Amino acid sequence: MMRNEQRAARNAFNEAAKPIRAERAATVKAAVDKAVAEAKASGKDPVVAGRVARGQAMQATKPDFDAKMKAITETRRDAMAAAKAKRDAAMANR
């Protein structure tokens, strides 16, 4: 019983998080691709440029990403707590 509720909460969270994560990944990928292309054009190491750009892009998108994830994370946390409370109540009645 509790497992199904937890699974439903996790699945709902993952479905809600998927577009948020995809949006961030697309933003980061665009920044990395641009940096790699510029590095190749200027004769610098594209691997290093890509790694640096990825770190900078992840840092730049973190506040927005965290803000979007906060609401669904709290929803998941509340659903998990409700499932645990339901389980604890059922175990107490045994």
Protein backbone atom coordinates (compact mmCIF):
# COMPACT_ATOMS: atom_id res chain seq x y z
CA MET A 1 0.00 0.00 0.00
CA MET A 2 2.64 2.52 1.03
CA ARG A 3 4.99 1.47 -1.75
CA ASN A 4 2.37 2.26 -4.37
CA GLU A 5 1.82 5.72 -2.93
CA GLN A 6 5.56 6.36 -2.78
CA ARG A 7 5.96 5.11 -6.34
CA ALA A 8 3.16 7.40 -7.50
CA ALA A 9 4.78 10.36 -5.75
CA ARG A 10 8.17 9.60 -7.29
CA ASN A 11 6.68 9.10 -10.75
CA ALA A 12 4.76 12.37 -10.54
CA PHE A 13 7.94 14.15 -9.44
CA ASN A 14 10.00 12.64 -12.26
CA GLU A 15 7.38 13.54 -14.86
CA ALA A 16 7.23 17.12 -13.59
CA ALA A 17 11.03 17.39 -13.40
CA LYS A 18 11.67 16.00 -16.88
CA PRO A 19 10.88 19.21 -18.85
CA ILE A 20 12.70 21.37 -16.28
CA ARG A 21 15.82 19.22 -16.57
CA ALA A 22 15.54 19.11 -20.37
CA GLU A 23 15.31 22.90 -20.54
CA ARG A 24 18.46 23.29 -18.43
CA ALA A 25 20.29 20.62 -20.43
CA ALA A 26 19.43 22.38 -23.70
CA THR A 27 20.68 25.72 -22.36
CA VAL A 28 23.92 24.16 -21.12
CA LYS A 29 24.43 22.22 -24.36
CA ALA A 30 24.03 25.37 -26.44
CA ALA A 31 26.64 27.18 -24.33
CA VAL A 32 29.05 24.23 -24.53
CA ASP A 33 28.60 23.85 -28.30
CA LYS A 34 29.24 27.56 -28.80
CA ALA A 35 32.38 27.47 -26.63
CA VAL A 36 33.71 24.38 -28.41
CA ALA A 37 33.15 25.97 -31.82
CA GLU A 38 34.92 29.16 -30.73
CA ALA A 39 37.81 27.14 -29.29
CA LYS A 40 38.22 25.18 -32.52
CA ALA A 41 38.14 28.39 -34.54
CA SER A 42 40.79 30.04 -32.38
CA GLY A 43 42.99 26.94 -32.13
CA LYS A 44 42.42 26.29 -28.42
CA ASP A 45 41.66 22.93 -26.84
CA PRO A 46 37.92 22.28 -27.42
CA VAL A 47 37.70 19.69 -24.62
CA VAL A 48 38.91 22.14 -22.00
CA ALA A 49 36.71 24.91 -23.41
CA GLY A 50 33.68 22.61 -23.28
CA ARG A 51 34.39 21.57 -19.71
CA VAL A 52 34.81 25.18 -18.56
CA ALA A 53 31.68 26.29 -20.44
CA ARG A 54 29.64 23.44 -18.94
CA GLY A 55 30.64 24.46 -15.42
CA GLN A 56 29.87 28.11 -16.05
CA ALA A 57 26.52 27.33 -17.68
CA MET A 58 25.50 24.99 -14.86
CA GLN A 59 26.42 27.67 -12.32
CA ALA A 60 24.49 30.33 -14.26
CA THR A 61 21.33 28.21 -14.59
CA LYS A 62 21.36 26.85 -11.02
CA PRO A 63 19.22 29.56 -9.31
CA ASP A 64 16.46 29.34 -11.91
CA PHE A 65 16.61 25.53 -11.95
CA ASP A 66 16.47 25.30 -8.16
CA ALA A 67 13.53 27.70 -8.01
CA LYS A 68 11.56 25.62 -10.51
CA MET A 69 12.43 22.35 -8.78
CA LYS A 70 11.57 23.61 -5.29
CA ALA A 71 7.80 23.46 -5.76
CA ILE A 72 7.72 19.92 -7.13
CA THR A 73 10.27 18.76 -4.56
CA GLU A 74 8.04 20.03 -1.75
CA THR A 75 5.03 18.31 -3.32
CA ARG A 76 6.94 15.03 -3.46
CA ARG A 77 8.19 15.44 0.12
CA ASP A 78 4.63 16.05 1.35
CA ALA A 79 3.29 13.02 -0.53
CA MET A 80 6.06 10.80 0.86
CA ALA A 81 5.40 12.07 4.39
CA ALA A 82 1.68 11.36 3.99
CA ALA A 83 2.44 7.82 2.80
CA LYS A 84 4.77 7.27 5.75
CA ALA A 85 2.18 8.62 8.20
CA LYS A 86 -0.42 6.31 6.71
CA ARG A 87 1.94 3.36 7.07
CA ASP A 88 2.84 4.28 10.64
CA ALA A 89 -0.85 4.52 11.53
CA ALA A 90 -1.52 1.13 9.96
CA MET A 91 1.40 -0.43 11.83
CA ALA A 92 0.19 1.07 15.13
CA ASN A 93 -3.23 -0.54 14.63
CA ARG A 94 -1.77 -4.02 14.20
